[in-house]
Amino acid sequence: MNDCLIRPARPEDQAGAYYVCLKTGDFGKDGEPFYRDDPDALGRIFVGPYLAYEPELSLILEDHDGICGYAFGSHDSKAFYARYENEWRPKLCAQFPMPAGDPATWTRSQMVHSWYHNADYTMPEPYAEYPSHLHIDLLERAQGRGFGRRMMETVMDKLRQRGSPGAHLGVSLMNKPAFSFYLKLGFKELLRVGEGKDGCIYMGKRL
């Protein structure tokens, strides 16, 4: 089994990190079959902005076969989303028009393109207690070996050193393994929105 290295992210990691996002893009499982028309659709939201705006809070997990995971953090979620709204999202909207027709007929990629135009900036209350947020994905070959915990704890340590009182994250209702993982890390449920595949649980942890 290949050894993994946790290291700071670099700009040239974007393609490899986008691929991890794709391969975990079906509620934690392999999303590649669903995004063949636009493999980078998810990465443009869930990877690119963090590498661009929060490089000091971005970690990469790498083994002999390449990038196999990442963990991202944002110290001030409101500031991060404001920058995303003003600098990142306009370019996405210009490049990918809002899909037309019945949403029930859209491909998964078209659904994500609609998120470019209708961004979700949910930040659970009490915001003052959980102003930072986290995001992590690992390929299957890197899971269950403690790397996810180490990466999350490293990013949380960085947030703590910056004076953050707490962090939140979102997890799909469909991704029960991730929900269990976050509970073991000490996160608690703060908010549930939606149902089924559209449902999300927001969790928080005091730092």
N, C-alpha and C. Protein backbone atom coordinates (compact mmCIF):
# COMPACT_ATOMS: atom_id res chain seq x y z
N MET A 1 0.86 -1.20 0.00
CA MET A 1 0.00 0.00 0.00
C MET A 1 0.89 1.24 0.00
N ASN A 2 0.57 2.17 -0.90
CA ASN A 2 1.40 3.34 -1.03
C ASN A 2 1.34 4.22 0.21
N ASP A 3 2.50 4.79 0.54
CA ASP A 3 2.54 5.77 1.61
C ASP A 3 1.99 7.09 1.10
N CYS A 4 1.34 7.83 1.96
CA CYS A 4 0.76 9.12 1.59
C CYS A 4 1.51 10.24 2.29
N LEU A 5 1.59 11.37 1.62
CA LEU A 5 2.24 12.57 2.14
C LEU A 5 1.21 13.68 2.23
N ILE A 6 1.12 14.32 3.38
CA ILE A 6 0.29 15.51 3.55
C ILE A 6 1.20 16.72 3.38
N ARG A 7 0.83 17.61 2.48
CA ARG A 7 1.67 18.78 2.21
C ARG A 7 0.80 19.99 1.89
N PRO A 8 1.38 21.19 1.95
CA PRO A 8 0.64 22.39 1.55
C PRO A 8 0.29 22.32 0.07
N ALA A 9 -0.86 22.89 -0.27
CA ALA A 9 -1.29 22.91 -1.67
C ALA A 9 -0.46 23.89 -2.47
N ARG A 10 -0.34 23.61 -3.77
CA ARG A 10 0.34 24.49 -4.70
C ARG A 10 -0.59 24.78 -5.88
N PRO A 11 -0.40 25.88 -6.59
CA PRO A 11 -1.29 26.20 -7.72
C PRO A 11 -1.38 25.09 -8.75
N GLU A 12 -0.28 24.38 -8.96
CA GLU A 12 -0.27 23.32 -9.97
C GLU A 12 -1.03 22.07 -9.53
N ASP A 13 -1.56 22.08 -8.32
CA ASP A 13 -2.35 20.93 -7.84
C ASP A 13 -3.80 20.97 -8.35
N GLN A 14 -4.17 22.02 -9.04
CA GLN A 14 -5.58 22.19 -9.36
C GLN A 14 -6.16 21.01 -10.13
N ALA A 15 -5.48 20.55 -11.17
CA ALA A 15 -6.03 19.47 -11.99
C ALA A 15 -6.22 18.20 -11.16
N GLY A 16 -5.22 17.86 -10.35
CA GLY A 16 -5.32 16.66 -9.54
C GLY A 16 -6.39 16.76 -8.48
N ALA A 17 -6.54 17.94 -7.88
CA ALA A 17 -7.57 18.13 -6.86
C ALA A 17 -8.97 18.13 -7.49
N TYR A 18 -9.10 18.71 -8.69
CA TYR A 18 -10.38 18.65 -9.40
C TYR A 18 -10.77 17.19 -9.66
N TYR A 19 -9.77 16.36 -9.96
CA TYR A 19 -10.05 14.95 -10.23
C TYR A 19 -10.55 14.25 -8.97
N VAL A 20 -9.97 14.57 -7.83
CA VAL A 20 -10.46 14.00 -6.56
C VAL A 20 -11.90 14.43 -6.32
N CYS A 21 -12.20 15.68 -6.61
CA CYS A 21 -13.57 16.18 -6.44
C CYS A 21 -14.53 15.41 -7.34
N LEU A 22 -14.11 15.14 -8.56
CA LEU A 22 -14.94 14.36 -9.50
C LEU A 22 -15.16 12.94 -8.98
N LYS A 23 -14.08 12.30 -8.52
CA LYS A 23 -14.15 10.89 -8.11
C LYS A 23 -14.85 10.69 -6.77
N THR A 24 -15.17 11.79 -6.08
CA THR A 24 -15.96 11.71 -4.85
C THR A 24 -17.28 12.47 -5.02
N GLY A 25 -17.62 12.80 -6.26
CA GLY A 25 -18.70 13.72 -6.54
C GLY A 25 -20.10 13.14 -6.56
N ASP A 26 -20.23 11.85 -6.29
CA ASP A 26 -21.56 11.23 -6.19
C ASP A 26 -21.83 10.92 -4.72
N PHE A 27 -22.00 11.99 -3.93
CA PHE A 27 -22.26 11.86 -2.50
C PHE A 27 -21.19 11.03 -1.81
N GLY A 28 -19.93 11.32 -2.16
CA GLY A 28 -18.79 10.62 -1.59
C GLY A 28 -18.28 9.47 -2.42
N LYS A 29 -19.08 9.03 -3.39
CA LYS A 29 -18.69 7.94 -4.28
C LYS A 29 -18.26 8.50 -5.63
N ASP A 30 -17.85 7.62 -6.53
CA ASP A 30 -17.30 8.02 -7.82
C ASP A 30 -18.34 8.75 -8.67
N GLY A 31 -18.07 10.03 -8.95
CA GLY A 31 -19.00 10.81 -9.76
C GLY A 31 -18.65 10.87 -11.23
N GLU A 32 -17.55 10.22 -11.63
CA GLU A 32 -17.10 10.35 -13.02
C GLU A 32 -18.17 9.94 -14.04
N PRO A 33 -18.92 8.84 -13.81
CA PRO A 33 -19.92 8.46 -14.82
C PRO A 33 -21.01 9.51 -15.02
N PHE A 34 -21.21 10.39 -14.04
CA PHE A 34 -22.31 11.36 -14.10
C PHE A 34 -21.87 12.71 -14.66
N TYR A 35 -20.57 12.91 -14.81
CA TYR A 35 -20.07 14.22 -15.23
C TYR A 35 -19.16 14.12 -16.46
N ARG A 36 -19.43 13.17 -17.32
CA ARG A 36 -18.58 13.00 -18.49
C ARG A 36 -18.66 14.20 -19.43
N ASP A 37 -19.79 14.92 -19.41
CA ASP A 37 -19.92 16.10 -20.28
C ASP A 37 -19.17 17.31 -19.73
N ASP A 38 -18.81 17.30 -18.45
CA ASP A 38 -18.04 18.39 -17.86
C ASP A 38 -17.40 17.89 -16.55
N PRO A 39 -16.27 17.20 -16.64
CA PRO A 39 -15.65 16.60 -15.45
C PRO A 39 -15.23 17.60 -14.39
N ASP A 40 -15.01 18.86 -14.77
CA ASP A 40 -14.54 19.86 -13.81
C ASP A 40 -15.67 20.67 -13.18
N ALA A 41 -16.92 20.30 -13.47
CA ALA A 41 -18.06 21.10 -13.01
C ALA A 41 -18.02 21.33 -11.50
N LEU A 42 -17.85 20.27 -10.73
CA LEU A 42 -17.85 20.38 -9.27
C LEU A 42 -16.59 21.07 -8.75
N GLY A 43 -15.48 20.76 -9.34
CA GLY A 43 -14.21 21.32 -8.88
C GLY A 43 -14.16 22.83 -8.93
N ARG A 44 -14.88 23.41 -9.91
CA ARG A 44 -14.86 24.87 -10.04
C ARG A 44 -15.50 25.56 -8.83
N ILE A 45 -16.38 24.85 -8.11
CA ILE A 45 -16.98 25.40 -6.90
C ILE A 45 -16.22 24.97 -5.65
N PHE A 46 -15.94 23.67 -5.55
CA PHE A 46 -15.50 23.09 -4.29
C PHE A 46 -13.99 22.95 -4.13
N VAL A 47 -13.23 23.31 -5.18
CA VAL A 47 -11.77 23.22 -5.11
C VAL A 47 -11.11 24.54 -5.51
N GLY A 48 -11.41 25.00 -6.71
CA GLY A 48 -10.71 26.14 -7.27
C GLY A 48 -10.64 27.37 -6.38
N PRO A 49 -11.77 27.80 -5.81
CA PRO A 49 -11.72 29.02 -4.99
C PRO A 49 -10.82 28.91 -3.76
N TYR A 50 -10.73 27.71 -3.20
CA TYR A 50 -9.90 27.53 -2.01
C TYR A 50 -8.41 27.60 -2.37
N LEU A 51 -8.04 26.97 -3.46
CA LEU A 51 -6.65 27.05 -3.90
C LEU A 51 -6.28 28.50 -4.22
N ALA A 52 -7.23 29.26 -4.75
CA ALA A 52 -6.96 30.64 -5.15
C ALA A 52 -6.97 31.60 -3.97
N TYR A 53 -7.92 31.44 -3.06
CA TYR A 53 -8.15 32.44 -2.02
C TYR A 53 -7.66 32.03 -0.63
N GLU A 54 -7.50 30.72 -0.39
CA GLU A 54 -7.08 30.26 0.94
C GLU A 54 -5.92 29.26 0.85
N PRO A 55 -4.85 29.60 0.12
CA PRO A 55 -3.76 28.63 -0.07
C PRO A 55 -3.10 28.20 1.23
N GLU A 56 -3.07 29.09 2.23
CA GLU A 56 -2.41 28.74 3.49
C GLU A 56 -3.25 27.79 4.33
N LEU A 57 -4.53 27.62 3.97
CA LEU A 57 -5.40 26.69 4.68
C LEU A 57 -5.79 25.51 3.79
N SER A 58 -4.99 25.27 2.76
CA SER A 58 -5.27 24.19 1.81
C SER A 58 -4.18 23.13 1.88
N LEU A 59 -4.60 21.89 2.13
CA LEU A 59 -3.67 20.77 2.22
C LEU A 59 -3.97 19.75 1.12
N ILE A 60 -2.92 19.12 0.65
CA ILE A 60 -3.02 18.08 -0.38
C ILE A 60 -2.49 16.76 0.19
N LEU A 61 -3.19 15.67 -0.12
CA LEU A 61 -2.72 14.33 0.21
C LEU A 61 -2.26 13.68 -1.08
N GLU A 62 -1.04 13.16 -1.05
CA GLU A 62 -0.44 12.64 -2.28
C GLU A 62 0.25 11.32 -2.00
N ASP A 63 0.14 10.38 -2.95
CA ASP A 63 0.90 9.13 -2.87
C ASP A 63 1.64 8.92 -4.19
N HIS A 64 2.18 7.72 -4.39
CA HIS A 64 2.98 7.47 -5.59
C HIS A 64 2.16 7.57 -6.87
N ASP A 65 0.86 7.42 -6.77
CA ASP A 65 -0.01 7.50 -7.93
C ASP A 65 -0.57 8.89 -8.17
N GLY A 66 -0.24 9.83 -7.29
CA GLY A 66 -0.69 11.20 -7.49
C GLY A 66 -1.53 11.72 -6.34
N ILE A 67 -2.22 12.81 -6.58
CA ILE A 67 -3.06 13.43 -5.57
C ILE A 67 -4.25 12.53 -5.26
N CYS A 68 -4.47 12.26 -3.99
CA CYS A 68 -5.55 11.35 -3.60
C CYS A 68 -6.45 11.95 -2.53
N GLY A 69 -6.29 13.25 -2.24
CA GLY A 69 -7.17 13.89 -1.28
C GLY A 69 -6.78 15.34 -1.06
N TYR A 70 -7.68 16.05 -0.40
CA TYR A 70 -7.41 17.43 -0.03
C TYR A 70 -8.26 17.80 1.18
N ALA A 71 -7.83 18.83 1.87
CA ALA A 71 -8.61 19.43 2.96
C ALA A 71 -8.43 20.93 2.84
N PHE A 72 -9.55 21.65 2.83
CA PHE A 72 -9.53 23.10 2.67
C PHE A 72 -10.22 23.76 3.85
N GLY A 73 -9.78 24.96 4.14
CA GLY A 73 -10.43 25.75 5.18
C GLY A 73 -10.56 27.20 4.76
N SER A 74 -11.49 27.89 5.37
CA SER A 74 -11.63 29.33 5.20
C SER A 74 -11.83 29.94 6.57
N HIS A 75 -11.01 30.94 6.89
CA HIS A 75 -11.05 31.53 8.23
C HIS A 75 -12.31 32.35 8.44
N ASP A 76 -12.69 33.14 7.47
CA ASP A 76 -13.85 34.03 7.56
C ASP A 76 -14.78 33.69 6.40
N SER A 77 -15.81 32.92 6.66
CA SER A 77 -16.68 32.43 5.59
C SER A 77 -17.36 33.57 4.84
N LYS A 78 -17.81 34.59 5.55
CA LYS A 78 -18.49 35.70 4.88
C LYS A 78 -17.55 36.41 3.92
N ALA A 79 -16.32 36.61 4.32
CA ALA A 79 -15.34 37.27 3.44
C ALA A 79 -15.01 36.37 2.25
N PHE A 80 -14.89 35.07 2.50
CA PHE A 80 -14.59 34.13 1.43
C PHE A 80 -15.70 34.13 0.39
N TYR A 81 -16.95 34.03 0.84
CA TYR A 81 -18.07 33.99 -0.09
C TYR A 81 -18.27 35.32 -0.81
N ALA A 82 -17.93 36.42 -0.14
CA ALA A 82 -18.01 37.72 -0.81
C ALA A 82 -17.02 37.79 -1.96
N ARG A 83 -15.84 37.25 -1.73
CA ARG A 83 -14.84 37.25 -2.80
C ARG A 83 -15.25 36.30 -3.92
N TYR A 84 -15.80 35.15 -3.55
CA TYR A 84 -16.31 34.21 -4.54
C TYR A 84 -17.39 34.88 -5.39
N GLU A 85 -18.29 35.58 -4.73
CA GLU A 85 -19.40 36.24 -5.42
C GLU A 85 -18.91 37.32 -6.39
N ASN A 86 -17.92 38.08 -5.97
CA ASN A 86 -17.47 39.23 -6.76
C ASN A 86 -16.41 38.89 -7.80
N GLU A 87 -15.58 37.88 -7.52
CA GLU A 87 -14.44 37.61 -8.39
C GLU A 87 -14.54 36.28 -9.14
N TRP A 88 -15.10 35.26 -8.49
CA TRP A 88 -15.06 33.90 -9.07
C TRP A 88 -16.32 33.58 -9.85
N ARG A 89 -17.48 33.82 -9.24
CA ARG A 89 -18.74 33.39 -9.84
C ARG A 89 -19.06 34.08 -11.16
N PRO A 90 -18.77 35.39 -11.33
CA PRO A 90 -19.08 36.02 -12.61
C PRO A 90 -18.41 35.33 -13.80
N LYS A 91 -17.19 34.85 -13.61
CA LYS A 91 -16.49 34.16 -14.71
C LYS A 91 -17.18 32.83 -15.04
N LEU A 92 -17.63 32.12 -14.00
CA LEU A 92 -18.34 30.86 -14.25
C LEU A 92 -19.63 31.11 -15.01
N CYS A 93 -20.36 32.13 -14.59
CA CYS A 93 -21.64 32.43 -15.23
C CYS A 93 -21.45 32.85 -16.68
N ALA A 94 -20.36 33.57 -16.95
CA ALA A 94 -20.09 33.99 -18.32
C ALA A 94 -19.72 32.81 -19.21
N GLN A 95 -19.03 31.83 -18.62
CA GLN A 95 -18.57 30.68 -19.41
C GLN A 95 -19.64 29.61 -19.56
N PHE A 96 -20.52 29.50 -18.55
CA PHE A 96 -21.52 28.43 -18.55
C PHE A 96 -22.91 29.04 -18.34
N PRO A 97 -23.68 29.19 -19.41
CA PRO A 97 -25.01 29.80 -19.29
C PRO A 97 -25.93 28.99 -18.37
N MET A 98 -26.91 29.66 -17.82
CA MET A 98 -27.92 28.97 -17.02
C MET A 98 -28.64 27.97 -17.92
N PRO A 99 -28.73 26.70 -17.49
CA PRO A 99 -29.43 25.70 -18.31
C PRO A 99 -30.89 26.08 -18.53
N ALA A 100 -31.39 25.72 -19.69
CA ALA A 100 -32.77 26.01 -20.03
C ALA A 100 -33.62 24.75 -19.92
N GLY A 101 -34.92 24.94 -19.94
CA GLY A 101 -35.83 23.80 -19.94
C GLY A 101 -36.14 23.29 -18.55
N ASP A 102 -36.73 22.12 -18.50
CA ASP A 102 -37.18 21.48 -17.27
C ASP A 102 -35.98 20.97 -16.48
N PRO A 103 -35.78 21.44 -15.23
CA PRO A 103 -34.64 20.94 -14.44
C PRO A 103 -34.62 19.43 -14.28
N ALA A 104 -35.78 18.79 -14.37
CA ALA A 104 -35.83 17.33 -14.24
C ALA A 104 -35.10 16.64 -15.38
N THR A 105 -34.87 17.35 -16.48
CA THR A 105 -34.20 16.77 -17.64
C THR A 105 -32.72 17.11 -17.69
N TRP A 106 -32.24 17.94 -16.77
CA TRP A 106 -30.85 18.36 -16.79
C TRP A 106 -29.91 17.21 -16.44
N THR A 107 -28.72 17.25 -17.02
CA THR A 107 -27.65 16.36 -16.59
C THR A 107 -27.12 16.85 -15.24
N ARG A 108 -26.31 16.02 -14.59
CA ARG A 108 -25.71 16.46 -13.32
C ARG A 108 -24.85 17.71 -13.55
N SER A 109 -24.13 17.75 -14.66
CA SER A 109 -23.29 18.91 -14.94
C SER A 109 -24.14 20.16 -15.11
N GLN A 110 -25.26 20.04 -15.80
CA GLN A 110 -26.15 21.19 -15.96
C GLN A 110 -26.69 21.66 -14.61
N MET A 111 -26.97 20.72 -13.74
CA MET A 111 -27.44 21.10 -12.40
C MET A 111 -26.37 21.91 -11.68
N VAL A 112 -25.12 21.47 -11.78
CA VAL A 112 -24.04 22.22 -11.15
C VAL A 112 -23.88 23.59 -11.81
N HIS A 113 -24.02 23.64 -13.13
CA HIS A 113 -23.95 24.93 -13.81
C HIS A 113 -25.03 25.88 -13.27
N SER A 114 -26.18 25.34 -12.93
CA SER A 114 -27.23 26.19 -12.35
C SER A 114 -26.80 26.73 -10.98
N TRP A 115 -25.97 25.96 -10.27
CA TRP A 115 -25.45 26.44 -8.98
C TRP A 115 -24.52 27.63 -9.18
N TYR A 116 -23.84 27.69 -10.34
CA TYR A 116 -23.00 28.85 -10.63
C TYR A 116 -23.86 30.11 -10.60
N HIS A 117 -25.08 30.00 -11.12
CA HIS A 117 -25.96 31.16 -11.25
C HIS A 117 -26.78 31.40 -9.98
N ASN A 118 -27.02 30.36 -9.22
CA ASN A 118 -27.80 30.47 -7.99
C ASN A 118 -26.97 29.90 -6.84
N ALA A 119 -26.01 30.67 -6.40
CA ALA A 119 -25.04 30.18 -5.42
C ALA A 119 -25.69 30.01 -4.04
N ASP A 120 -25.21 29.01 -3.32
CA ASP A 120 -25.69 28.73 -1.97
C ASP A 120 -24.61 29.13 -0.97
N TYR A 121 -24.91 30.13 -0.16
CA TYR A 121 -23.95 30.61 0.83
C TYR A 121 -24.44 30.33 2.25
N THR A 122 -25.06 29.19 2.46
CA THR A 122 -25.59 28.86 3.77
C THR A 122 -24.46 28.83 4.82
N MET A 123 -24.65 29.59 5.88
CA MET A 123 -23.71 29.61 7.00
C MET A 123 -24.55 29.45 8.27
N PRO A 124 -24.47 28.31 8.93
CA PRO A 124 -25.36 28.03 10.06
C PRO A 124 -25.12 28.95 11.25
N GLU A 125 -26.19 29.22 11.94
CA GLU A 125 -26.11 30.02 13.16
C GLU A 125 -25.82 29.11 14.36
N PRO A 126 -25.23 29.64 15.43
CA PRO A 126 -24.77 31.03 15.55
C PRO A 126 -23.46 31.26 14.80
N TYR A 127 -23.51 32.14 13.81
CA TYR A 127 -22.34 32.36 12.95
C TYR A 127 -21.12 32.79 13.76
N ALA A 128 -21.34 33.63 14.77
CA ALA A 128 -20.21 34.14 15.55
C ALA A 128 -19.42 33.02 16.23
N GLU A 129 -20.08 31.89 16.46
CA GLU A 129 -19.40 30.77 17.10
C GLU A 129 -18.72 29.85 16.09
N TYR A 130 -19.18 29.87 14.83
CA TYR A 130 -18.63 28.96 13.80
C TYR A 130 -18.37 29.72 12.50
N PRO A 131 -17.54 30.76 12.53
CA PRO A 131 -17.37 31.60 11.34
C PRO A 131 -16.49 30.98 10.26
N SER A 132 -15.65 30.03 10.62
CA SER A 132 -14.79 29.37 9.64
C SER A 132 -15.52 28.17 9.04
N HIS A 133 -15.03 27.67 7.90
CA HIS A 133 -15.61 26.43 7.39
C HIS A 133 -14.53 25.56 6.77
N LEU A 134 -14.87 24.28 6.62
CA LEU A 134 -13.93 23.25 6.19
C LEU A 134 -14.54 22.42 5.07
N HIS A 135 -13.66 21.81 4.28
CA HIS A 135 -14.10 20.94 3.19
C HIS A 135 -13.01 19.90 2.95
N ILE A 136 -13.39 18.62 2.87
CA ILE A 136 -12.40 17.56 2.67
C ILE A 136 -12.97 16.47 1.77
N ASP A 137 -12.11 15.90 0.92
CA ASP A 137 -12.45 14.73 0.11
C ASP A 137 -11.21 13.86 -0.04
N LEU A 138 -11.41 12.55 0.08
CA LEU A 138 -10.33 11.59 -0.10
C LEU A 138 -10.77 10.51 -1.08
N LEU A 139 -9.87 10.11 -1.97
CA LEU A 139 -10.16 8.96 -2.82
C LEU A 139 -10.24 7.70 -1.95
N GLU A 140 -10.92 6.70 -2.46
CA GLU A 140 -11.15 5.48 -1.68
C GLU A 140 -9.84 4.85 -1.20
N ARG A 141 -8.80 4.90 -2.04
CA ARG A 141 -7.54 4.25 -1.66
C ARG A 141 -6.86 4.92 -0.47
N ALA A 142 -7.29 6.17 -0.15
CA ALA A 142 -6.67 6.89 0.97
C ALA A 142 -7.55 6.91 2.20
N GLN A 143 -8.72 6.33 2.12
CA GLN A 143 -9.67 6.39 3.23
C GLN A 143 -9.39 5.31 4.28
N GLY A 144 -9.84 5.56 5.49
CA GLY A 144 -9.74 4.58 6.56
C GLY A 144 -8.35 4.37 7.11
N ARG A 145 -7.46 5.32 6.89
CA ARG A 145 -6.07 5.17 7.30
C ARG A 145 -5.61 6.32 8.20
N GLY A 146 -6.55 7.17 8.60
CA GLY A 146 -6.22 8.24 9.52
C GLY A 146 -5.78 9.54 8.88
N PHE A 147 -5.64 9.54 7.56
CA PHE A 147 -5.16 10.76 6.91
C PHE A 147 -6.21 11.87 6.96
N GLY A 148 -7.47 11.52 6.81
CA GLY A 148 -8.52 12.52 6.86
C GLY A 148 -8.55 13.23 8.20
N ARG A 149 -8.46 12.47 9.27
CA ARG A 149 -8.44 13.07 10.60
C ARG A 149 -7.23 13.99 10.76
N ARG A 150 -6.07 13.54 10.34
CA ARG A 150 -4.85 14.34 10.48
C ARG A 150 -4.96 15.65 9.70
N MET A 151 -5.52 15.57 8.50
CA MET A 151 -5.64 16.77 7.67
C MET A 151 -6.64 17.75 8.28
N MET A 152 -7.77 17.23 8.74
CA MET A 152 -8.78 18.10 9.35
C MET A 152 -8.22 18.76 10.61
N GLU A 153 -7.53 17.97 11.43
CA GLU A 153 -6.97 18.53 12.67
C GLU A 153 -5.90 19.57 12.37
N THR A 154 -5.14 19.35 11.31
CA THR A 154 -4.12 20.33 10.93
C THR A 154 -4.75 21.65 10.51
N VAL A 155 -5.78 21.58 9.67
CA VAL A 155 -6.45 22.81 9.24
C VAL A 155 -7.13 23.48 10.42
N MET A 156 -7.75 22.70 11.30
CA MET A 156 -8.39 23.30 12.48
C MET A 156 -7.37 23.95 13.40
N ASP A 157 -6.19 23.36 13.51
CA ASP A 157 -5.13 23.98 14.30
C ASP A 157 -4.74 25.33 13.72
N LYS A 158 -4.65 25.39 12.38
CA LYS A 158 -4.31 26.66 11.72
C LYS A 158 -5.39 27.71 11.99
N LEU A 159 -6.65 27.28 11.93
CA LEU A 159 -7.75 28.21 12.20
C LEU A 159 -7.71 28.69 13.65
N ARG A 160 -7.41 27.76 14.55
CA ARG A 160 -7.32 28.10 15.97
C ARG A 160 -6.21 29.12 16.21
N GLN A 161 -5.08 28.93 15.55
CA GLN A 161 -3.96 29.85 15.69
C GLN A 161 -4.29 31.25 15.17
N ARG A 162 -5.22 31.30 14.23
CA ARG A 162 -5.65 32.59 13.69
C ARG A 162 -6.76 33.22 14.54
N GLY A 163 -7.17 32.54 15.58
CA GLY A 163 -8.16 33.10 16.49
C GLY A 163 -9.59 32.73 16.20
N SER A 164 -9.81 31.77 15.32
CA SER A 164 -11.19 31.37 15.03
C SER A 164 -11.79 30.62 16.21
N PRO A 165 -13.02 30.97 16.61
CA PRO A 165 -13.67 30.27 17.72
C PRO A 165 -14.29 28.94 17.33
N GLY A 166 -14.53 28.73 16.02
CA GLY A 166 -15.19 27.50 15.61
C GLY A 166 -15.34 27.43 14.10
N ALA A 167 -15.66 26.23 13.63
CA ALA A 167 -15.80 26.00 12.19
C ALA A 167 -17.03 25.16 11.91
N HIS A 168 -17.58 25.34 10.71
CA HIS A 168 -18.72 24.53 10.27
C HIS A 168 -18.38 23.86 8.94
N LEU A 169 -19.21 22.93 8.56
CA LEU A 169 -19.09 22.26 7.28
C LEU A 169 -20.46 21.71 6.90
N GLY A 170 -20.59 21.35 5.64
CA GLY A 170 -21.83 20.77 5.16
C GLY A 170 -21.60 19.37 4.63
N VAL A 171 -22.55 18.47 4.85
CA VAL A 171 -22.44 17.11 4.36
C VAL A 171 -23.80 16.67 3.83
N SER A 172 -23.78 16.00 2.69
CA SER A 172 -25.03 15.53 2.09
C SER A 172 -25.73 14.52 3.00
N LEU A 173 -27.05 14.58 3.00
CA LEU A 173 -27.82 13.57 3.73
C LEU A 173 -27.52 12.17 3.22
N MET A 174 -27.07 12.09 1.97
CA MET A 174 -26.80 10.78 1.36
C MET A 174 -25.45 10.21 1.77
N ASN A 175 -24.59 11.04 2.34
CA ASN A 175 -23.22 10.61 2.64
C ASN A 175 -23.09 10.27 4.13
N LYS A 176 -23.64 9.13 4.51
CA LYS A 176 -23.64 8.72 5.91
C LYS A 176 -22.24 8.44 6.46
N PRO A 177 -21.33 7.85 5.68
CA PRO A 177 -19.97 7.65 6.21
C PRO A 177 -19.29 8.97 6.60
N ALA A 178 -19.48 10.02 5.77
CA ALA A 178 -18.87 11.31 6.10
C ALA A 178 -19.48 11.90 7.36
N PHE A 179 -20.80 11.76 7.50
CA PHE A 179 -21.48 12.27 8.70
C PHE A 179 -20.90 11.60 9.95
N SER A 180 -20.70 10.29 9.89
CA SER A 180 -20.13 9.57 11.03
C SER A 180 -18.69 10.02 11.31
N PHE A 181 -17.93 10.26 10.25
CA PHE A 181 -16.56 10.72 10.38
C PHE A 181 -16.51 12.06 11.12
N TYR A 182 -17.40 12.97 10.74
CA TYR A 182 -17.40 14.29 11.38
C TYR A 182 -17.84 14.21 12.83
N LEU A 183 -18.78 13.32 13.12
CA LEU A 183 -19.18 13.14 14.52
C LEU A 183 -17.99 12.68 15.37
N LYS A 184 -17.20 11.77 14.82
CA LYS A 184 -16.03 11.27 15.54
C LYS A 184 -14.99 12.36 15.74
N LEU A 185 -14.99 13.35 14.85
CA LEU A 185 -14.05 14.47 14.98
C LEU A 185 -14.53 15.51 15.98
N GLY A 186 -15.76 15.34 16.48
CA GLY A 186 -16.28 16.26 17.48
C GLY A 186 -17.25 17.29 16.96
N PHE A 187 -17.66 17.14 15.69
CA PHE A 187 -18.66 18.06 15.13
C PHE A 187 -20.05 17.65 15.61
N LYS A 188 -20.93 18.64 15.72
CA LYS A 188 -22.32 18.39 16.09
C LYS A 188 -23.23 19.00 15.04
N GLU A 189 -24.41 18.43 14.93
CA GLU A 189 -25.36 18.93 13.95
C GLU A 189 -25.92 20.28 14.37
N LEU A 190 -25.95 21.23 13.41
CA LEU A 190 -26.48 22.57 13.66
C LEU A 190 -27.76 22.84 12.89
N LEU A 191 -27.85 22.30 11.67
CA LEU A 191 -28.95 22.66 10.78
C LEU A 191 -29.12 21.60 9.70
N ARG A 192 -30.38 21.30 9.37
CA ARG A 192 -30.68 20.43 8.22
C ARG A 192 -31.55 21.21 7.24
N VAL A 193 -31.21 21.11 5.96
CA VAL A 193 -32.02 21.74 4.92
C VAL A 193 -32.28 20.73 3.81
N GLY A 194 -33.46 20.79 3.22
CA GLY A 194 -33.77 19.92 2.10
C GLY A 194 -34.00 18.48 2.52
N GLU A 195 -34.23 17.64 1.50
CA GLU A 195 -34.49 16.22 1.71
C GLU A 195 -33.77 15.39 0.66
N GLY A 196 -33.54 14.13 0.99
CA GLY A 196 -32.98 13.18 0.03
C GLY A 196 -31.68 13.67 -0.59
N LYS A 197 -31.58 13.53 -1.92
CA LYS A 197 -30.36 13.92 -2.62
C LYS A 197 -30.10 15.42 -2.55
N ASP A 198 -31.14 16.20 -2.28
CA ASP A 198 -30.97 17.65 -2.19
C ASP A 198 -30.74 18.11 -0.75
N GLY A 199 -30.74 17.17 0.19
CA GLY A 199 -30.62 17.53 1.59
C GLY A 199 -29.18 17.70 2.04
N CYS A 200 -28.98 18.58 3.01
CA CYS A 200 -27.64 18.84 3.54
C CYS A 200 -27.72 19.02 5.06
N ILE A 201 -26.74 18.48 5.75
CA ILE A 201 -26.61 18.66 7.19
C ILE A 201 -25.43 19.58 7.42
N TYR A 202 -25.64 20.68 8.14
CA TYR A 202 -24.55 21.57 8.52
C TYR A 202 -24.16 21.24 9.96
N MET A 203 -22.84 21.08 10.14
CA MET A 203 -22.30 20.68 11.43
C MET A 203 -21.27 21.70 11.90
N GLY A 204 -21.07 21.81 13.20
CA GLY A 204 -20.11 22.78 13.72
C GLY A 204 -19.28 22.19 14.85
N LYS A 205 -18.12 22.79 15.04
CA LYS A 205 -17.24 22.38 16.13
C LYS A 205 -16.55 23.62 16.69
N ARG A 206 -16.57 23.75 18.02
CA ARG A 206 -15.83 24.84 18.66
C ARG A 206 -14.35 24.50 18.68
N LEU A 207 -13.55 25.50 18.40
CA LEU A 207 -12.11 25.29 18.33
C LEU A 207 -11.40 25.76 19.60
